[in-house]
Structures are given as structure tokens and as C-alpha cells.
PDB file of all heavy atoms in Angstrom:
ATOM      1  N   ARG A   1       0.597  17.873  -1.248  1.00  0.00           N
ATOM      2  CA  ARG A   1       0.854  16.456  -1.021  1.00  0.00           C
ATOM      3  C   ARG A   1      -0.454  15.713  -0.775  1.00  0.00           C
ATOM      4  O   ARG A   1      -1.283  16.137   0.039  1.00  0.00           O
ATOM      5  CB  ARG A   1       1.789  16.295   0.171  1.00  0.00           C
ATOM      6  CG  ARG A   1       2.204  14.860   0.463  1.00  0.00           C
ATOM      7  CD  ARG A   1       3.152  14.818   1.640  1.00  0.00           C
ATOM      8  NE  ARG A   1       2.542  15.385   2.834  1.00  0.00           N
ATOM      9  CZ  ARG A   1       3.214  15.768   3.919  1.00  0.00           C
ATOM     10  NH1 ARG A   1       4.531  15.658   3.943  1.00  0.00           N
ATOM     11  NH2 ARG A   1       2.573  16.273   4.958  1.00  0.00           N
ATOM     12  N   GLU A   2      -0.636  14.604  -1.458  1.00  0.00           N
ATOM     13  CA  GLU A   2      -1.869  13.835  -1.410  1.00  0.00           C
ATOM     14  C   GLU A   2      -1.591  12.435  -0.884  1.00  0.00           C
ATOM     15  O   GLU A   2      -0.693  11.752  -1.368  1.00  0.00           O
ATOM     16  CB  GLU A   2      -2.490  13.748  -2.805  1.00  0.00           C
ATOM     17  CG  GLU A   2      -3.754  12.919  -2.887  1.00  0.00           C
ATOM     18  CD  GLU A   2      -4.234  12.729  -4.304  1.00  0.00           C
ATOM     19  OE1 GLU A   2      -3.437  12.930  -5.242  1.00  0.00           O
ATOM     20  OE2 GLU A   2      -5.420  12.386  -4.485  1.00  0.00           O
ATOM     21  N   PRO A   3      -2.351  11.980   0.101  1.00  0.00           N
ATOM     22  CA  PRO A   3      -2.187  10.597   0.561  1.00  0.00           C
ATOM     23  C   PRO A   3      -2.666   9.614  -0.494  1.00  0.00           C
ATOM     24  O   PRO A   3      -3.616   9.892  -1.234  1.00  0.00           O
ATOM     25  CB  PRO A   3      -3.056  10.538   1.817  1.00  0.00           C
ATOM     26  CG  PRO A   3      -4.081  11.608   1.619  1.00  0.00           C
ATOM     27  CD  PRO A   3      -3.381  12.703   0.872  1.00  0.00           C
ATOM     28  N   VAL A   4      -2.024   8.461  -0.545  1.00  0.00           N
ATOM     29  CA  VAL A   4      -2.358   7.437  -1.526  1.00  0.00           C
ATOM     30  C   VAL A   4      -2.763   6.138  -0.849  1.00  0.00           C
ATOM     31  O   VAL A   4      -3.866   5.625  -1.053  1.00  0.00           O
ATOM     32  CB  VAL A   4      -1.182   7.183  -2.486  1.00  0.00           C
ATOM     33  CG1 VAL A   4      -1.522   6.052  -3.452  1.00  0.00           C
ATOM     34  CG2 VAL A   4      -0.831   8.451  -3.246  1.00  0.00           C
ATOM     35  N   SER A   5      -1.862   5.596  -0.028  1.00  0.00           N
ATOM     36  CA  SER A   5      -2.101   4.298   0.592  1.00  0.00           C
ATOM     37  C   SER A   5      -1.147   4.118   1.758  1.00  0.00           C
ATOM     38  O   SER A   5      -0.105   4.771   1.828  1.00  0.00           O
ATOM     39  CB  SER A   5      -1.903   3.171  -0.435  1.00  0.00           C
ATOM     40  OG  SER A   5      -2.150   1.899   0.135  1.00  0.00           O
ATOM     41  N   CYS A   6      -1.497   3.217   2.662  1.00  0.00           N
ATOM     42  CA  CYS A   6      -0.589   2.883   3.751  1.00  0.00           C
ATOM     43  C   CYS A   6      -0.806   1.449   4.175  1.00  0.00           C
ATOM     44  O   CYS A   6      -1.846   0.848   3.896  1.00  0.00           O
ATOM     45  CB  CYS A   6      -0.748   3.838   4.944  1.00  0.00           C
ATOM     46  SG  CYS A   6      -2.357   3.814   5.765  1.00  0.00           S
ATOM     47  N   ILE A   7       0.195   0.903   4.848  1.00  0.00           N
ATOM     48  CA  ILE A   7       0.111  -0.446   5.383  1.00  0.00           C
ATOM     49  C   ILE A   7       0.732  -0.439   6.772  1.00  0.00           C
ATOM     50  O   ILE A   7       1.784   0.159   6.989  1.00  0.00           O
ATOM     51  CB  ILE A   7       0.791  -1.470   4.444  1.00  0.00           C
ATOM     52  CG1 ILE A   7       0.552  -2.894   4.946  1.00  0.00           C
ATOM     53  CG2 ILE A   7       2.275  -1.171   4.278  1.00  0.00           C
ATOM     54  CD1 ILE A   7       0.915  -3.962   3.909  1.00  0.00           C
ATOM     55  N   SER A   8       0.074  -1.092   7.708  1.00  0.00           N
ATOM     56  CA  SER A   8       0.528  -1.088   9.088  1.00  0.00           C
ATOM     57  C   SER A   8       1.600  -2.141   9.316  1.00  0.00           C
ATOM     58  O   SER A   8       1.885  -2.979   8.463  1.00  0.00           O
ATOM     59  CB  SER A   8      -0.648  -1.333  10.035  1.00  0.00           C
ATOM     60  OG  SER A   8      -1.023  -2.700  10.034  1.00  0.00           O
ATOM     61  N   SER A   9       2.187  -2.102  10.497  1.00  0.00           N
ATOM     62  CA  SER A   9       3.174  -3.104  10.870  1.00  0.00           C
ATOM     63  C   SER A   9       2.582  -4.503  10.892  1.00  0.00           C
ATOM     64  O   SER A   9       3.313  -5.490  10.749  1.00  0.00           O
ATOM     65  CB  SER A   9       3.766  -2.763  12.238  1.00  0.00           C
ATOM     66  OG  SER A   9       2.760  -2.687  13.228  1.00  0.00           O
ATOM     67  N   LYS A  10       1.258  -4.605  11.084  1.00  0.00           N
ATOM     68  CA  LYS A  10       0.569  -5.887  11.113  1.00  0.00           C
ATOM     69  C   LYS A  10      -0.023  -6.284   9.769  1.00  0.00           C
ATOM     70  O   LYS A  10      -0.608  -7.356   9.652  1.00  0.00           O
ATOM     71  CB  LYS A  10      -0.536  -5.856  12.171  1.00  0.00           C
ATOM     72  CG  LYS A  10      -0.060  -5.442  13.556  1.00  0.00           C
ATOM     73  CD  LYS A  10       1.020  -6.363  14.076  1.00  0.00           C
ATOM     74  CE  LYS A  10       1.473  -5.949  15.464  1.00  0.00           C
ATOM     75  NZ  LYS A  10       2.580  -6.805  15.966  1.00  0.00           N
ATOM     76  N   GLY A  11       0.092  -5.417   8.774  1.00  0.00           N
ATOM     77  CA  GLY A  11      -0.386  -5.739   7.443  1.00  0.00           C
ATOM     78  C   GLY A  11      -1.697  -5.109   7.031  1.00  0.00           C
ATOM     79  O   GLY A  11      -2.134  -5.293   5.890  1.00  0.00           O
ATOM     80  N   GLY A  12      -2.353  -4.396   7.929  1.00  0.00           N
ATOM     81  CA  GLY A  12      -3.589  -3.730   7.577  1.00  0.00           C
ATOM     82  C   GLY A  12      -3.344  -2.590   6.602  1.00  0.00           C
ATOM     83  O   GLY A  12      -2.423  -1.797   6.795  1.00  0.00           O
ATOM     84  N   ALA A  13      -4.164  -2.505   5.570  1.00  0.00           N
ATOM     85  CA  ALA A  13      -3.943  -1.531   4.506  1.00  0.00           C
ATOM     86  C   ALA A  13      -5.128  -0.591   4.354  1.00  0.00           C
ATOM     87  O   ALA A  13      -6.265  -0.934   4.671  1.00  0.00           O
ATOM     88  CB  ALA A  13      -3.682  -2.241   3.182  1.00  0.00           C
ATOM     89  N   TYR A  14      -4.844   0.590   3.831  1.00  0.00           N
ATOM     90  CA  TYR A  14      -5.860   1.588   3.564  1.00  0.00           C
ATOM     91  C   TYR A  14      -5.528   2.278   2.249  1.00  0.00           C
ATOM     92  O   TYR A  14      -4.368   2.523   1.936  1.00  0.00           O
ATOM     93  CB  TYR A  14      -5.929   2.623   4.689  1.00  0.00           C
ATOM     94  CG  TYR A  14      -6.916   3.730   4.424  1.00  0.00           C
ATOM     95  CD1 TYR A  14      -8.270   3.542   4.685  1.00  0.00           C
ATOM     96  CD2 TYR A  14      -6.506   4.948   3.893  1.00  0.00           C
ATOM     97  CE1 TYR A  14      -9.186   4.548   4.428  1.00  0.00           C
ATOM     98  CE2 TYR A  14      -7.414   5.957   3.635  1.00  0.00           C
ATOM     99  CZ  TYR A  14      -8.759   5.751   3.904  1.00  0.00           C
ATOM    100  OH  TYR A  14      -9.660   6.742   3.645  1.00  0.00           O
ATOM    101  N   TYR A  15      -6.592   2.613   1.487  1.00  0.00           N
ATOM    102  CA  TYR A  15      -6.425   3.285   0.202  1.00  0.00           C
ATOM    103  C   TYR A  15      -7.346   4.483   0.101  1.00  0.00           C
ATOM    104  O   TYR A  15      -8.500   4.432   0.538  1.00  0.00           O
ATOM    105  CB  TYR A  15      -6.751   2.338  -0.956  1.00  0.00           C
ATOM    106  CG  TYR A  15      -5.932   1.078  -0.975  1.00  0.00           C
ATOM    107  CD1 TYR A  15      -6.360  -0.066  -0.303  1.00  0.00           C
ATOM    108  CD2 TYR A  15      -4.730   1.023  -1.672  1.00  0.00           C
ATOM    109  CE1 TYR A  15      -5.610  -1.228  -0.318  1.00  0.00           C
ATOM    110  CE2 TYR A  15      -3.971  -0.135  -1.692  1.00  0.00           C
ATOM    111  CZ  TYR A  15      -4.415  -1.256  -1.017  1.00  0.00           C
ATOM    112  OH  TYR A  15      -3.664  -2.409  -1.041  1.00  0.00           O
ATOM    113  N   GLU A  16      -6.832   5.537  -0.486  1.00  0.00           N
ATOM    114  CA  GLU A  16      -7.688   6.660  -0.812  1.00  0.00           C
ATOM    115  C   GLU A  16      -8.652   6.258  -1.925  1.00  0.00           C
ATOM    116  O   GLU A  16      -8.369   5.376  -2.733  1.00  0.00           O
ATOM    117  CB  GLU A  16      -6.857   7.858  -1.254  1.00  0.00           C
ATOM    118  CG  GLU A  16      -6.112   8.532  -0.116  1.00  0.00           C
ATOM    119  CD  GLU A  16      -7.054   9.191   0.870  1.00  0.00           C
ATOM    120  OE1 GLU A  16      -7.898  10.020   0.442  1.00  0.00           O
ATOM    121  OE2 GLU A  16      -6.951   8.893   2.079  1.00  0.00           O
ATOM    122  N   ASP A  17      -9.808   6.912  -1.963  1.00  0.00           N
ATOM    123  CA  ASP A  17     -10.840   6.550  -2.931  1.00  0.00           C
ATOM    124  C   ASP A  17     -10.346   6.639  -4.376  1.00  0.00           C
ATOM    125  O   ASP A  17     -10.754   5.848  -5.230  1.00  0.00           O
ATOM    126  CB  ASP A  17     -12.061   7.447  -2.761  1.00  0.00           C
ATOM    127  CG  ASP A  17     -12.833   7.142  -1.492  1.00  0.00           C
ATOM    128  OD1 ASP A  17     -12.660   6.049  -0.932  1.00  0.00           O
ATOM    129  OD2 ASP A  17     -13.622   8.004  -1.077  1.00  0.00           O
ATOM    130  N   SER A  18      -9.465   7.569  -4.654  1.00  0.00           N
ATOM    131  CA  SER A  18      -9.012   7.784  -6.014  1.00  0.00           C
ATOM    132  C   SER A  18      -8.207   6.621  -6.577  1.00  0.00           C
ATOM    133  O   SER A  18      -8.061   6.507  -7.796  1.00  0.00           O
ATOM    134  CB  SER A  18      -8.180   9.067  -6.098  1.00  0.00           C
ATOM    135  OG  SER A  18      -7.039   8.985  -5.261  1.00  0.00           O
ATOM    136  N   VAL A  19      -7.684   5.749  -5.703  1.00  0.00           N
ATOM    137  CA  VAL A  19      -6.850   4.642  -6.171  1.00  0.00           C
ATOM    138  C   VAL A  19      -7.402   3.275  -5.803  1.00  0.00           C
ATOM    139  O   VAL A  19      -6.812   2.252  -6.187  1.00  0.00           O
ATOM    140  CB  VAL A  19      -5.406   4.772  -5.646  1.00  0.00           C
ATOM    141  CG1 VAL A  19      -4.812   6.117  -6.033  1.00  0.00           C
ATOM    142  CG2 VAL A  19      -5.358   4.566  -4.139  1.00  0.00           C
ATOM    143  N   LYS A  20      -8.508   3.224  -5.111  1.00  0.00           N
ATOM    144  CA  LYS A  20      -9.094   1.941  -4.727  1.00  0.00           C
ATOM    145  C   LYS A  20      -9.425   1.103  -5.959  1.00  0.00           C
ATOM    146  O   LYS A  20      -9.981   1.594  -6.932  1.00  0.00           O
ATOM    147  CB  LYS A  20     -10.364   2.160  -3.906  1.00  0.00           C
ATOM    148  CG  LYS A  20     -10.120   2.598  -2.480  1.00  0.00           C
ATOM    149  CD  LYS A  20     -11.430   2.744  -1.717  1.00  0.00           C
ATOM    150  CE  LYS A  20     -11.194   3.151  -0.280  1.00  0.00           C
ATOM    151  NZ  LYS A  20     -12.468   3.345   0.459  1.00  0.00           N
ATOM    152  N   GLY A  21      -9.074  -0.167  -5.893  1.00  0.00           N
ATOM    153  CA  GLY A  21      -9.318  -1.071  -7.001  1.00  0.00           C
ATOM    154  C   GLY A  21      -8.250  -1.051  -8.062  1.00  0.00           C
ATOM    155  O   GLY A  21      -8.243  -1.916  -8.948  1.00  0.00           O
ATOM    156  N   ARG A  22      -7.343  -0.074  -8.000  1.00  0.00           N
ATOM    157  CA  ARG A  22      -6.280   0.035  -8.995  1.00  0.00           C
ATOM    158  C   ARG A  22      -4.888  -0.152  -8.389  1.00  0.00           C
ATOM    159  O   ARG A  22      -4.011  -0.711  -9.040  1.00  0.00           O
ATOM    160  CB  ARG A  22      -6.342   1.392  -9.690  1.00  0.00           C
ATOM    161  CG  ARG A  22      -7.657   1.645 -10.423  1.00  0.00           C
ATOM    162  CD  ARG A  22      -7.582   2.905 -11.270  1.00  0.00           C
ATOM    163  NE  ARG A  22      -7.347   4.095 -10.459  1.00  0.00           N
ATOM    164  CZ  ARG A  22      -6.276   4.886 -10.577  1.00  0.00           C
ATOM    165  NH1 ARG A  22      -5.343   4.612 -11.482  1.00  0.00           N
ATOM    166  NH2 ARG A  22      -6.138   5.952  -9.813  1.00  0.00           N
ATOM    167  N   PHE A  23      -4.703   0.320  -7.176  1.00  0.00           N
ATOM    168  CA  PHE A  23      -3.407   0.224  -6.505  1.00  0.00           C
ATOM    169  C   PHE A  23      -3.461  -0.827  -5.404  1.00  0.00           C
ATOM    170  O   PHE A  23      -4.501  -1.021  -4.756  1.00  0.00           O
ATOM    171  CB  PHE A  23      -3.028   1.561  -5.873  1.00  0.00           C
ATOM    172  CG  PHE A  23      -2.689   2.657  -6.849  1.00  0.00           C
ATOM    173  CD1 PHE A  23      -2.937   2.522  -8.205  1.00  0.00           C
ATOM    174  CD2 PHE A  23      -2.110   3.831  -6.386  1.00  0.00           C
ATOM    175  CE1 PHE A  23      -2.630   3.536  -9.099  1.00  0.00           C
ATOM    176  CE2 PHE A  23      -1.793   4.849  -7.267  1.00  0.00           C
ATOM    177  CZ  PHE A  23      -2.061   4.703  -8.622  1.00  0.00           C
ATOM    178  N   THR A  24      -2.337  -1.483  -5.175  1.00  0.00           N
ATOM    179  CA  THR A  24      -2.222  -2.458  -4.103  1.00  0.00           C
ATOM    180  C   THR A  24      -0.920  -2.240  -3.353  1.00  0.00           C
ATOM    181  O   THR A  24       0.153  -2.204  -3.962  1.00  0.00           O
ATOM    182  CB  THR A  24      -2.257  -3.899  -4.632  1.00  0.00           C
ATOM    183  OG1 THR A  24      -3.469  -4.121  -5.362  1.00  0.00           O
ATOM    184  CG2 THR A  24      -2.192  -4.897  -3.474  1.00  0.00           C
ATOM    185  N   ILE A  25      -1.013  -2.100  -2.047  1.00  0.00           N
ATOM    186  CA  ILE A  25       0.171  -1.941  -1.225  1.00  0.00           C
ATOM    187  C   ILE A  25       0.493  -3.271  -0.554  1.00  0.00           C
ATOM    188  O   ILE A  25      -0.410  -4.022  -0.165  1.00  0.00           O
ATOM    189  CB  ILE A  25      -0.022  -0.820  -0.179  1.00  0.00           C
ATOM    190  CG1 ILE A  25       1.300  -0.466   0.502  1.00  0.00           C
ATOM    191  CG2 ILE A  25      -1.078  -1.203   0.852  1.00  0.00           C
ATOM    192  CD1 ILE A  25       1.227   0.796   1.348  1.00  0.00           C
ATOM    193  N   SER A  26       1.765  -3.576  -0.429  1.00  0.00           N
ATOM    194  CA  SER A  26       2.195  -4.817   0.189  1.00  0.00           C
ATOM    195  C   SER A  26       3.580  -4.625   0.773  1.00  0.00           C
ATOM    196  O   SER A  26       4.203  -3.577   0.603  1.00  0.00           O
ATOM    197  CB  SER A  26       2.187  -5.965  -0.828  1.00  0.00           C
ATOM    198  OG  SER A  26       3.102  -5.717  -1.884  1.00  0.00           O
ATOM    199  N   LYS A  27       4.059  -5.640   1.458  1.00  0.00           N
ATOM    200  CA  LYS A  27       5.396  -5.578   2.021  1.00  0.00           C
ATOM    201  C   LYS A  27       6.034  -6.950   2.042  1.00  0.00           C
ATOM    202  O   LYS A  27       5.350  -7.971   2.044  1.00  0.00           O
ATOM    203  CB  LYS A  27       5.368  -4.989   3.432  1.00  0.00           C
ATOM    204  CG  LYS A  27       4.533  -5.772   4.430  1.00  0.00           C
ATOM    205  CD  LYS A  27       4.555  -5.111   5.796  1.00  0.00           C
ATOM    206  CE  LYS A  27       3.732  -5.899   6.803  1.00  0.00           C
ATOM    207  NZ  LYS A  27       3.764  -5.250   8.149  1.00  0.00           N
ATOM    208  N   ASP A  28       7.342  -6.939   2.039  1.00  0.00           N
ATOM    209  CA  ASP A  28       8.142  -8.148   2.120  1.00  0.00           C
ATOM    210  C   ASP A  28       8.977  -8.020   3.391  1.00  0.00           C
ATOM    211  O   ASP A  28       9.982  -7.316   3.404  1.00  0.00           O
ATOM    212  CB  ASP A  28       9.031  -8.287   0.888  1.00  0.00           C
ATOM    213  CG  ASP A  28       9.828  -9.574   0.873  1.00  0.00           C
ATOM    214  OD1 ASP A  28      10.022 -10.185   1.932  1.00  0.00           O
ATOM    215  OD2 ASP A  28      10.274  -9.972  -0.225  1.00  0.00           O
ATOM    216  N   ASN A  29       8.579  -8.700   4.441  1.00  0.00           N
ATOM    217  CA  ASN A  29       9.271  -8.570   5.721  1.00  0.00           C
ATOM    218  C   ASN A  29      10.702  -9.099   5.681  1.00  0.00           C
ATOM    219  O   ASN A  29      11.588  -8.546   6.335  1.00  0.00           O
ATOM    220  CB  ASN A  29       8.492  -9.289   6.820  1.00  0.00           C
ATOM    221  CG  ASN A  29       7.199  -8.590   7.178  1.00  0.00           C
ATOM    222  OD1 ASN A  29       7.093  -7.370   7.089  1.00  0.00           O
ATOM    223  ND2 ASN A  29       6.209  -9.358   7.592  1.00  0.00           N
ATOM    224  N   ASP A  30      10.919 -10.160   4.922  1.00  0.00           N
ATOM    225  CA  ASP A  30      12.267 -10.727   4.837  1.00  0.00           C
ATOM    226  C   ASP A  30      13.244  -9.753   4.192  1.00  0.00           C
ATOM    227  O   ASP A  30      14.411  -9.673   4.591  1.00  0.00           O
ATOM    228  CB  ASP A  30      12.244 -12.032   4.051  1.00  0.00           C
ATOM    229  CG  ASP A  30      11.534 -13.148   4.790  1.00  0.00           C
ATOM    230  OD1 ASP A  30      11.437 -13.083   6.024  1.00  0.00           O
ATOM    231  OD2 ASP A  30      11.088 -14.103   4.120  1.00  0.00           O
ATOM    232  N   LYS A  31      12.767  -9.007   3.208  1.00  0.00           N
ATOM    233  CA  LYS A  31      13.621  -8.074   2.480  1.00  0.00           C
ATOM    234  C   LYS A  31      13.481  -6.641   2.983  1.00  0.00           C
ATOM    235  O   LYS A  31      14.151  -5.745   2.454  1.00  0.00           O
ATOM    236  CB  LYS A  31      13.313  -8.139   0.995  1.00  0.00           C
ATOM    237  CG  LYS A  31      13.600  -9.491   0.368  1.00  0.00           C
ATOM    238  CD  LYS A  31      13.307  -9.481  -1.121  1.00  0.00           C
ATOM    239  CE  LYS A  31      13.637 -10.825  -1.751  1.00  0.00           C
ATOM    240  NZ  LYS A  31      13.366 -10.834  -3.209  1.00  0.00           N
ATOM    241  N   THR A  32      12.614  -6.455   3.952  1.00  0.00           N
ATOM    242  CA  THR A  32      12.348  -5.133   4.537  1.00  0.00           C
ATOM    243  C   THR A  32      12.016  -4.108   3.457  1.00  0.00           C
ATOM    244  O   THR A  32      12.528  -2.981   3.471  1.00  0.00           O
ATOM    245  CB  THR A  32      13.529  -4.654   5.399  1.00  0.00           C
ATOM    246  OG1 THR A  32      14.698  -4.471   4.588  1.00  0.00           O
ATOM    247  CG2 THR A  32      13.823  -5.662   6.497  1.00  0.00           C
ATOM    248  N   THR A  33      11.149  -4.507   2.552  1.00  0.00           N
ATOM    249  CA  THR A  33      10.750  -3.663   1.443  1.00  0.00           C
ATOM    250  C   THR A  33       9.239  -3.641   1.312  1.00  0.00           C
ATOM    251  O   THR A  33       8.587  -4.684   1.443  1.00  0.00           O
ATOM    252  CB  THR A  33      11.368  -4.165   0.130  1.00  0.00           C
ATOM    253  OG1 THR A  33      12.795  -4.205   0.263  1.00  0.00           O
ATOM    254  CG2 THR A  33      11.006  -3.257  -1.025  1.00  0.00           C
ATOM    255  N   ALA A  34       8.695  -2.478   1.059  1.00  0.00           N
ATOM    256  CA  ALA A  34       7.279  -2.325   0.777  1.00  0.00           C
ATOM    257  C   ALA A  34       7.095  -1.981  -0.691  1.00  0.00           C
ATOM    258  O   ALA A  34       8.001  -1.452  -1.338  1.00  0.00           O
ATOM    259  CB  ALA A  34       6.662  -1.252   1.660  1.00  0.00           C
ATOM    260  N   TYR A  35       5.898  -2.267  -1.220  1.00  0.00           N
ATOM    261  CA  TYR A  35       5.617  -2.059  -2.628  1.00  0.00           C
ATOM    262  C   TYR A  35       4.282  -1.356  -2.814  1.00  0.00           C
ATOM    263  O   TYR A  35       3.370  -1.471  -1.986  1.00  0.00           O
ATOM    264  CB  TYR A  35       5.573  -3.395  -3.379  1.00  0.00           C
ATOM    265  CG  TYR A  35       6.822  -4.223  -3.226  1.00  0.00           C
ATOM    266  CD1 TYR A  35       6.901  -5.220  -2.260  1.00  0.00           C
ATOM    267  CD2 TYR A  35       7.922  -3.999  -4.042  1.00  0.00           C
ATOM    268  CE1 TYR A  35       8.042  -5.978  -2.113  1.00  0.00           C
ATOM    269  CE2 TYR A  35       9.074  -4.759  -3.903  1.00  0.00           C
ATOM    270  CZ  TYR A  35       9.130  -5.743  -2.940  1.00  0.00           C
ATOM    271  OH  TYR A  35      10.273  -6.489  -2.801  1.00  0.00           O
ATOM    272  N   LEU A  36       4.187  -0.651  -3.909  1.00  0.00           N
ATOM    273  CA  LEU A  36       2.924  -0.094  -4.356  1.00  0.00           C
ATOM    274  C   LEU A  36       2.732  -0.502  -5.812  1.00  0.00           C
ATOM    275  O   LEU A  36       3.396   0.031  -6.702  1.00  0.00           O
ATOM    276  CB  LEU A  36       2.897   1.425  -4.219  1.00  0.00           C
ATOM    277  CG  LEU A  36       1.565   2.081  -4.573  1.00  0.00           C
ATOM    278  CD1 LEU A  36       0.493   1.694  -3.550  1.00  0.00           C
ATOM    279  CD2 LEU A  36       1.699   3.598  -4.651  1.00  0.00           C
ATOM    280  N   GLN A  37       1.859  -1.477  -6.031  1.00  0.00           N
ATOM    281  CA  GLN A  37       1.529  -1.915  -7.380  1.00  0.00           C
ATOM    282  C   GLN A  37       0.441  -1.014  -7.927  1.00  0.00           C
ATOM    283  O   GLN A  37      -0.641  -0.922  -7.348  1.00  0.00           O
ATOM    284  CB  GLN A  37       1.062  -3.368  -7.374  1.00  0.00           C
ATOM    285  CG  GLN A  37       0.651  -3.899  -8.741  1.00  0.00           C
ATOM    286  CD  GLN A  37       1.816  -4.021  -9.692  1.00  0.00           C
ATOM    287  OE1 GLN A  37       2.871  -4.521  -9.325  1.00  0.00           O
ATOM    288  NE2 GLN A  37       1.629  -3.550 -10.920  1.00  0.00           N
ATOM    289  N   MET A  38       0.715  -0.365  -9.038  1.00  0.00           N
ATOM    290  CA  MET A  38      -0.204   0.587  -9.630  1.00  0.00           C
ATOM    291  C   MET A  38      -0.654   0.070 -10.989  1.00  0.00           C
ATOM    292  O   MET A  38       0.154  -0.056 -11.911  1.00  0.00           O
ATOM    293  CB  MET A  38       0.450   1.963  -9.762  1.00  0.00           C
ATOM    294  CG  MET A  38       1.018   2.500  -8.455  1.00  0.00           C
ATOM    295  SD  MET A  38       1.660   4.185  -8.608  1.00  0.00           S
ATOM    296  CE  MET A  38       3.003   3.908  -9.765  1.00  0.00           C
ATOM    297  N   ASN A  39      -1.938  -0.222 -11.100  1.00  0.00           N
ATOM    298  CA  ASN A  39      -2.525  -0.706 -12.339  1.00  0.00           C
ATOM    299  C   ASN A  39      -3.540   0.296 -12.863  1.00  0.00           C
ATOM    300  O   ASN A  39      -4.004   1.172 -12.142  1.00  0.00           O
ATOM    301  CB  ASN A  39      -3.203  -2.064 -12.116  1.00  0.00           C
ATOM    302  CG  ASN A  39      -2.249  -3.147 -11.671  1.00  0.00           C
ATOM    303  OD1 ASN A  39      -1.087  -3.179 -12.074  1.00  0.00           O
ATOM    304  ND2 ASN A  39      -2.740  -4.065 -10.847  1.00  0.00           N
TER     305      ASN A  39
END
């Protein structure tokens, strides 16, 4: 298992080097859904 990305309850995000600049993590608090956009 390999870590990819995470986002905190306050919105702070972290990315592993292998996906930096290509992946974006986000969340929608109203819909209680998080996303990982992979480009």
C-alpha cells in the first residue's frame, strides 16, 4: 500500500512526490465528499 495524498479537516493538503503537480485533493463540506483529481 502506497500513500498518495491527504487533506485535513481544516483543508491542509499533502502529496507524495510521485503525484505532485498532477493530482489534486479537495473536499465538498456541504456534500460530505472528498475528491482526488488525477491528471
